[in-house]
Amino acid sequence: MRIEGKRVMLRRLIQRGRYVVAVEIEAVTPPDDPGEPCYEHETVEFLREVVDHADRDDVGWLKQHGKLYELVEQ
């Protein structure tokens, strides 16, 4: 079920271990609660998927779904 309201695209940074993944997600501002955009169920599931793939070092998947940054030791 989709929430009614204004939709906006947001960039979220997810840090897991030596990776930071920047992903673009959709959020919605419901008309009855305009204080802050919220996530729909599908968006939350996608963010969990990103975390899972980062924890498994699945670099190929992460690059397909966002911008991947990796910590480089000096």
PDB file of N, CA and C in Angstrom:
ATOM      1  N   MET A   1       0.842  -1.181   0.000  1.00  0.00           N
ATOM      2  CA  MET A   1       0.000   0.000   0.000  1.00  0.00           C
ATOM      3  C   MET A   1       0.886   1.244   0.000  1.00  0.00           C
ATOM      4  N   ARG A   2       0.621   2.156  -0.897  1.00  0.00           N
ATOM      5  CA  ARG A   2       1.407   3.382  -0.994  1.00  0.00           C
ATOM      6  C   ARG A   2       0.785   4.474  -0.132  1.00  0.00           C
ATOM      7  N   ILE A   3       1.636   5.241   0.502  1.00  0.00           N
ATOM      8  CA  ILE A   3       1.204   6.357   1.330  1.00  0.00           C
ATOM      9  C   ILE A   3       0.965   7.552   0.415  1.00  0.00           C
ATOM     10  N   GLU A   4      -0.137   8.235   0.619  1.00  0.00           N
ATOM     11  CA  GLU A   4      -0.416   9.442  -0.163  1.00  0.00           C
ATOM     12  C   GLU A   4       0.412  10.601   0.372  1.00  0.00           C
ATOM     13  N   GLY A   5       0.800  11.490  -0.529  1.00  0.00           N
ATOM     14  CA  GLY A   5       1.539  12.671  -0.120  1.00  0.00           C
ATOM     15  C   GLY A   5       2.584  13.042  -1.146  1.00  0.00           C
ATOM     16  N   LYS A   6       3.338  14.069  -0.807  1.00  0.00           N
ATOM     17  CA  LYS A   6       4.387  14.571  -1.691  1.00  0.00           C
ATOM     18  C   LYS A   6       5.597  13.641  -1.620  1.00  0.00           C
ATOM     19  N   ARG A   7       6.102  13.247  -2.774  1.00  0.00           N
ATOM     20  CA  ARG A   7       7.248  12.344  -2.856  1.00  0.00           C
ATOM     21  C   ARG A   7       8.516  13.135  -3.168  1.00  0.00           C
ATOM     22  N   VAL A   8       9.578  12.757  -2.482  1.00  0.00           N
ATOM     23  CA  VAL A   8      10.873  13.395  -2.694  1.00  0.00           C
ATOM     24  C   VAL A   8      11.944  12.309  -2.762  1.00  0.00           C
ATOM     25  N   MET A   9      12.999  12.599  -3.509  1.00  0.00           N
ATOM     26  CA  MET A   9      14.141  11.694  -3.565  1.00  0.00           C
ATOM     27  C   MET A   9      15.189  12.188  -2.572  1.00  0.00           C
ATOM     28  N   LEU A  10      15.720  11.263  -1.794  1.00  0.00           N
ATOM     29  CA  LEU A  10      16.732  11.578  -0.787  1.00  0.00           C
ATOM     30  C   LEU A  10      17.948  10.695  -0.998  1.00  0.00           C
ATOM     31  N   ARG A  11      19.094  11.190  -0.625  1.00  0.00           N
ATOM     32  CA  ARG A  11      20.313  10.383  -0.636  1.00  0.00           C
ATOM     33  C   ARG A  11      20.604   9.978   0.810  1.00  0.00           C
ATOM     34  N   ARG A  12      20.792   8.694   0.994  1.00  0.00           N
ATOM     35  CA  ARG A  12      21.112   8.169   2.317  1.00  0.00           C
ATOM     36  C   ARG A  12      22.476   7.500   2.259  1.00  0.00           C
ATOM     37  N   LEU A  13      23.268   7.712   3.298  1.00  0.00           N
ATOM     38  CA  LEU A  13      24.582   7.091   3.408  1.00  0.00           C
ATOM     39  C   LEU A  13      24.488   5.973   4.438  1.00  0.00           C
ATOM     40  N   ILE A  14      24.921   4.792   4.043  1.00  0.00           N
ATOM     41  CA  ILE A  14      24.880   3.631   4.927  1.00  0.00           C
ATOM     42  C   ILE A  14      26.316   3.174   5.135  1.00  0.00           C
ATOM     43  N   GLN A  15      26.766   3.181   6.383  1.00  0.00           N
ATOM     44  CA  GLN A  15      28.131   2.779   6.700  1.00  0.00           C
ATOM     45  C   GLN A  15      28.109   1.409   7.350  1.00  0.00           C
ATOM     46  N   ARG A  16      28.866   0.497   6.764  1.00  0.00           N
ATOM     47  CA  ARG A  16      28.982  -0.862   7.291  1.00  0.00           C
ATOM     48  C   ARG A  16      30.426  -1.295   7.131  1.00  0.00           C
ATOM     49  N   GLY A  17      31.093  -1.560   8.239  1.00  0.00           N
ATOM     50  CA  GLY A  17      32.486  -2.000   8.162  1.00  0.00           C
ATOM     51  C   GLY A  17      33.342  -0.988   7.439  1.00  0.00           C
ATOM     52  N   ARG A  18      33.998  -1.436   6.386  1.00  0.00           N
ATOM     53  CA  ARG A  18      34.890  -0.532   5.640  1.00  0.00           C
ATOM     54  C   ARG A  18      34.201   0.143   4.469  1.00  0.00           C
ATOM     55  N   TYR A  19      32.887  -0.035   4.331  1.00  0.00           N
ATOM     56  CA  TYR A  19      32.134   0.540   3.215  1.00  0.00           C
ATOM     57  C   TYR A  19      31.183   1.641   3.658  1.00  0.00           C
ATOM     58  N   VAL A  20      31.010   2.604   2.760  1.00  0.00           N
ATOM     59  CA  VAL A  20      29.920   3.570   2.855  1.00  0.00           C
ATOM     60  C   VAL A  20      29.219   3.509   1.506  1.00  0.00           C
ATOM     61  N   VAL A  21      27.911   3.305   1.538  1.00  0.00           N
ATOM     62  CA  VAL A  21      27.134   3.211   0.306  1.00  0.00           C
ATOM     63  C   VAL A  21      26.156   4.377   0.280  1.00  0.00           C
ATOM     64  N   ALA A  22      26.191   5.157  -0.793  1.00  0.00           N
ATOM     65  CA  ALA A  22      25.246   6.258  -0.996  1.00  0.00           C
ATOM     66  C   ALA A  22      24.151   5.753  -1.927  1.00  0.00           C
ATOM     67  N   VAL A  23      22.906   5.754  -1.440  1.00  0.00           N
ATOM     68  CA  VAL A  23      21.781   5.287  -2.251  1.00  0.00           C
ATOM     69  C   VAL A  23      20.726   6.377  -2.338  1.00  0.00           C
ATOM     70  N   GLU A  24      20.056   6.416  -3.479  1.00  0.00           N
ATOM     71  CA  GLU A  24      18.940   7.338  -3.678  1.00  0.00           C
ATOM     72  C   GLU A  24      17.662   6.582  -3.343  1.00  0.00           C
ATOM     73  N   ILE A  25      16.844   7.159  -2.468  1.00  0.00           N
ATOM     74  CA  ILE A  25      15.596   6.518  -2.073  1.00  0.00           C
ATOM     75  C   ILE A  25      14.449   7.523  -2.158  1.00  0.00           C
ATOM     76  N   GLU A  26      13.253   6.977  -2.224  1.00  0.00           N
ATOM     77  CA  GLU A  26      12.062   7.822  -2.260  1.00  0.00           C
ATOM     78  C   GLU A  26      11.458   7.893  -0.863  1.00  0.00           C
ATOM     79  N   ALA A  27      11.098   9.091  -0.452  1.00  0.00           N
ATOM     80  CA  ALA A  27      10.396   9.299   0.808  1.00  0.00           C
ATOM     81  C   ALA A  27       9.111  10.056   0.499  1.00  0.00           C
ATOM     82  N   VAL A  28       8.167   9.991   1.413  1.00  0.00           N
ATOM     83  CA  VAL A  28       6.878  10.644   1.193  1.00  0.00           C
ATOM     84  C   VAL A  28       6.512  11.470   2.426  1.00  0.00           C
ATOM     85  N   THR A  29       5.979  12.653   2.178  1.00  0.00           N
ATOM     86  CA  THR A  29       5.489  13.508   3.255  1.00  0.00           C
ATOM     87  C   THR A  29       3.963  13.430   3.246  1.00  0.00           C
ATOM     88  N   PRO A  30       3.382  12.705   4.207  1.00  0.00           N
ATOM     89  CA  PRO A  30       1.932  12.577   4.236  1.00  0.00           C
ATOM     90  C   PRO A  30       1.266  13.921   4.536  1.00  0.00           C
ATOM     91  N   PRO A  31       0.097  14.182   3.942  1.00  0.00           N
ATOM     92  CA  PRO A  31      -0.574  15.459   4.173  1.00  0.00           C
ATOM     93  C   PRO A  31      -1.001  15.659   5.630  1.00  0.00           C
ATOM     94  N   ASP A  32      -1.274  14.575   6.356  1.00  0.00           N
ATOM     95  CA  ASP A  32      -1.717  14.714   7.742  1.00  0.00           C
ATOM     96  C   ASP A  32      -0.563  14.775   8.741  1.00  0.00           C
ATOM     97  N   ASP A  33       0.681  14.617   8.268  1.00  0.00           N
ATOM     98  CA  ASP A  33       1.865  14.712   9.125  1.00  0.00           C
ATOM     99  C   ASP A  33       3.019  15.297   8.321  1.00  0.00           C
ATOM    100  N   PRO A  34       2.956  16.597   8.014  1.00  0.00           N
ATOM    101  CA  PRO A  34       3.939  17.199   7.110  1.00  0.00           C
ATOM    102  C   PRO A  34       5.288  17.522   7.747  1.00  0.00           C
ATOM    103  N   GLY A  35       5.512  17.118   8.972  1.00  0.00           N
ATOM    104  CA  GLY A  35       6.735  17.492   9.664  1.00  0.00           C
ATOM    105  C   GLY A  35       8.011  16.933   9.059  1.00  0.00           C
ATOM    106  N   GLU A  36       7.953  15.716   8.556  1.00  0.00           N
ATOM    107  CA  GLU A  36       9.164  15.074   8.075  1.00  0.00           C
ATOM    108  C   GLU A  36       8.796  13.949   7.106  1.00  0.00           C
ATOM    109  N   PRO A  37       9.547  13.809   6.016  1.00  0.00           N
ATOM    110  CA  PRO A  37       9.271  12.703   5.092  1.00  0.00           C
ATOM    111  C   PRO A  37       9.480  11.356   5.788  1.00  0.00           C
ATOM    112  N   CYS A  38       8.721  10.353   5.374  1.00  0.00           N
ATOM    113  CA  CYS A  38       8.859   9.023   5.954  1.00  0.00           C
ATOM    114  C   CYS A  38       9.078   8.004   4.839  1.00  0.00           C
ATOM    115  N   TYR A  39       9.460   6.805   5.227  1.00  0.00           N
ATOM    116  CA  TYR A  39       9.741   5.740   4.276  1.00  0.00           C
ATOM    117  C   TYR A  39       8.574   4.768   4.203  1.00  0.00           C
ATOM    118  N   GLU A  40       8.339   4.260   3.012  1.00  0.00           N
ATOM    119  CA  GLU A  40       7.369   3.192   2.841  1.00  0.00           C
ATOM    120  C   GLU A  40       8.072   1.855   3.098  1.00  0.00           C
ATOM    121  N   HIS A  41       7.283   0.822   3.249  1.00  0.00           N
ATOM    122  CA  HIS A  41       7.810  -0.505   3.572  1.00  0.00           C
ATOM    123  C   HIS A  41       8.871  -0.960   2.566  1.00  0.00           C
ATOM    124  N   GLU A  42       8.624  -0.754   1.290  1.00  0.00           N
ATOM    125  CA  GLU A  42       9.557  -1.186   0.250  1.00  0.00           C
ATOM    126  C   GLU A  42      10.916  -0.488   0.385  1.00  0.00           C
ATOM    127  N   THR A  43      10.895   0.766   0.777  1.00  0.00           N
ATOM    128  CA  THR A  43      12.136   1.519   0.959  1.00  0.00           C
ATOM    129  C   THR A  43      12.923   0.974   2.137  1.00  0.00           C
ATOM    130  N   VAL A  44      12.236   0.686   3.231  1.00  0.00           N
ATOM    131  CA  VAL A  44      12.899   0.118   4.408  1.00  0.00           C
ATOM    132  C   VAL A  44      13.517  -1.230   4.061  1.00  0.00           C
ATOM    133  N   GLU A  45      12.801  -2.053   3.316  1.00  0.00           N
ATOM    134  CA  GLU A  45      13.326  -3.357   2.900  1.00  0.00           C
ATOM    135  C   GLU A  45      14.554  -3.182   2.012  1.00  0.00           C
ATOM    136  N   PHE A  46      14.541  -2.205   1.113  1.00  0.00           N
ATOM    137  CA  PHE A  46      15.691  -1.945   0.262  1.00  0.00           C
ATOM    138  C   PHE A  46      16.904  -1.532   1.103  1.00  0.00           C
ATOM    139  N   LEU A  47      16.699  -0.667   2.092  1.00  0.00           N
ATOM    140  CA  LEU A  47      17.805  -0.248   2.953  1.00  0.00           C
ATOM    141  C   LEU A  47      18.375  -1.433   3.728  1.00  0.00           C
ATOM    142  N   ARG A  48      17.521  -2.335   4.176  1.00  0.00           N
ATOM    143  CA  ARG A  48      17.993  -3.550   4.857  1.00  0.00           C
ATOM    144  C   ARG A  48      18.803  -4.428   3.910  1.00  0.00           C
ATOM    145  N   GLU A  49      18.371  -4.484   2.654  1.00  0.00           N
ATOM    146  CA  GLU A  49      19.084  -5.252   1.645  1.00  0.00           C
ATOM    147  C   GLU A  49      20.482  -4.672   1.411  1.00  0.00           C
ATOM    148  N   VAL A  50      20.580  -3.358   1.364  1.00  0.00           N
ATOM    149  CA  VAL A  50      21.883  -2.702   1.196  1.00  0.00           C
ATOM    150  C   VAL A  50      22.808  -3.084   2.345  1.00  0.00           C
ATOM    151  N   VAL A  51      22.297  -3.029   3.568  1.00  0.00           N
ATOM    152  CA  VAL A  51      23.091  -3.394   4.746  1.00  0.00           C
ATOM    153  C   VAL A  51      23.556  -4.844   4.634  1.00  0.00           C
ATOM    154  N   ASP A  52      22.661  -5.733   4.252  1.00  0.00           N
ATOM    155  CA  ASP A  52      22.985  -7.151   4.133  1.00  0.00           C
ATOM    156  C   ASP A  52      24.089  -7.374   3.095  1.00  0.00           C
ATOM    157  N   HIS A  53      23.983  -6.745   1.944  1.00  0.00           N
ATOM    158  CA  HIS A  53      24.994  -6.914   0.899  1.00  0.00           C
ATOM    159  C   HIS A  53      26.327  -6.281   1.307  1.00  0.00           C
ATOM    160  N   ALA A  54      26.293  -5.177   2.031  1.00  0.00           N
ATOM    161  CA  ALA A  54      27.540  -4.563   2.513  1.00  0.00           C
ATOM    162  C   ALA A  54      28.212  -5.477   3.538  1.00  0.00           C
ATOM    163  N   ASP A  55      27.419  -6.095   4.412  1.00  0.00           N
ATOM    164  CA  ASP A  55      27.984  -7.010   5.408  1.00  0.00           C
ATOM    165  C   ASP A  55      28.627  -8.231   4.758  1.00  0.00           C
ATOM    166  N   ARG A  56      28.138  -8.608   3.568  1.00  0.00           N
ATOM    167  CA  ARG A  56      28.681  -9.775   2.849  1.00  0.00           C
ATOM    168  C   ARG A  56      29.754  -9.375   1.832  1.00  0.00           C
ATOM    169  N   ASP A  57      30.157  -8.105   1.832  1.00  0.00           N
ATOM    170  CA  ASP A  57      31.170  -7.601   0.885  1.00  0.00           C
ATOM    171  C   ASP A  57      30.767  -7.848  -0.566  1.00  0.00           C
ATOM    172  N   ASP A  58      29.498  -7.714  -0.879  1.00  0.00           N
ATOM    173  CA  ASP A  58      28.982  -7.924  -2.232  1.00  0.00           C
ATOM    174  C   ASP A  58      29.135  -6.626  -3.038  1.00  0.00           C
ATOM    175  N   VAL A  59      30.380  -6.360  -3.422  1.00  0.00           N
ATOM    176  CA  VAL A  59      30.737  -5.101  -4.077  1.00  0.00           C
ATOM    177  C   VAL A  59      29.976  -4.912  -5.391  1.00  0.00           C
ATOM    178  N   GLY A  60      29.822  -5.966  -6.171  1.00  0.00           N
ATOM    179  CA  GLY A  60      29.116  -5.858  -7.447  1.00  0.00           C
ATOM    180  C   GLY A  60      27.689  -5.371  -7.275  1.00  0.00           C
ATOM    181  N   TRP A  61      26.963  -5.953  -6.323  1.00  0.00           N
ATOM    182  CA  TRP A  61      25.569  -5.562  -6.069  1.00  0.00           C
ATOM    183  C   TRP A  61      25.512  -4.122  -5.569  1.00  0.00           C
ATOM    184  N   LEU A  62      26.404  -3.773  -4.665  1.00  0.00           N
ATOM    185  CA  LEU A  62      26.412  -2.425  -4.098  1.00  0.00           C
ATOM    186  C   LEU A  62      26.671  -1.374  -5.181  1.00  0.00           C
ATOM    187  N   LYS A  63      27.586  -1.650  -6.101  1.00  0.00           N
ATOM    188  CA  LYS A  63      27.879  -0.713  -7.187  1.00  0.00           C
ATOM    189  C   LYS A  63      26.691  -0.551  -8.128  1.00  0.00           C
ATOM    190  N   GLN A  64      25.890  -1.601  -8.294  1.00  0.00           N
ATOM    191  CA  GLN A  64      24.709  -1.525  -9.159  1.00  0.00           C
ATOM    192  C   GLN A  64      23.609  -0.677  -8.541  1.00  0.00           C
ATOM    193  N   HIS A  65      23.546  -0.608  -7.213  1.00  0.00           N
ATOM    194  CA  HIS A  65      22.423   0.036  -6.537  1.00  0.00           C
ATOM    195  C   HIS A  65      22.766   1.356  -5.858  1.00  0.00           C
ATOM    196  N   GLY A  66      24.014   1.755  -5.921  1.00  0.00           N
ATOM    197  CA  GLY A  66      24.386   3.016  -5.294  1.00  0.00           C
ATOM    198  C   GLY A  66      25.827   3.361  -5.618  1.00  0.00           C
ATOM    199  N   LYS A  67      26.318   4.344  -4.936  1.00  0.00           N
ATOM    200  CA  LYS A  67      27.709   4.769  -5.092  1.00  0.00           C
ATOM    201  C   LYS A  67      28.470   4.203  -3.894  1.00  0.00           C
ATOM    202  N   LEU A  68      29.530   3.459  -4.181  1.00  0.00           N
ATOM    203  CA  LEU A  68      30.264   2.745  -3.139  1.00  0.00           C
ATOM    204  C   LEU A  68      31.565   3.442  -2.814  1.00  0.00           C
ATOM    205  N   TYR A  69      31.792   3.641  -1.532  1.00  0.00           N
ATOM    206  CA  TYR A  69      33.055   4.193  -1.033  1.00  0.00           C
ATOM    207  C   TYR A  69      33.662   3.159  -0.109  1.00  0.00           C
ATOM    208  N   GLU A  70      34.982   3.023  -0.183  1.00  0.00           N
ATOM    209  CA  GLU A  70      35.670   2.039   0.650  1.00  0.00           C
ATOM    210  C   GLU A  70      36.801   2.710   1.406  1.00  0.00           C
ATOM    211  N   LEU A  71      36.946   2.353   2.667  1.00  0.00           N
ATOM    212  CA  LEU A  71      38.029   2.853   3.500  1.00  0.00           C
ATOM    213  C   LEU A  71      39.359   2.290   2.988  1.00  0.00           C
ATOM    214  N   VAL A  72      40.311   3.162   2.793  1.00  0.00           N
ATOM    215  CA  VAL A  72      41.637   2.746   2.350  1.00  0.00           C
ATOM    216  C   VAL A  72      42.603   3.031   3.483  1.00  0.00           C
ATOM    217  N   GLU A  73      43.234   1.996   3.971  1.00  0.00           N
ATOM    218  CA  GLU A  73      44.215   2.148   5.051  1.00  0.00           C
ATOM    219  C   GLU A  73      45.475   2.791   4.514  1.00  0.00           C
ATOM    220  N   GLN A  74      46.103   3.642   5.314  1.00  0.00           N
ATOM    221  CA  GLN A  74      47.339   4.305   4.898  1.00  0.00           C
ATOM    222  C   GLN A  74      48.532   3.515   5.320  1.00  0.00           C
TER     223      GLN A  74
END
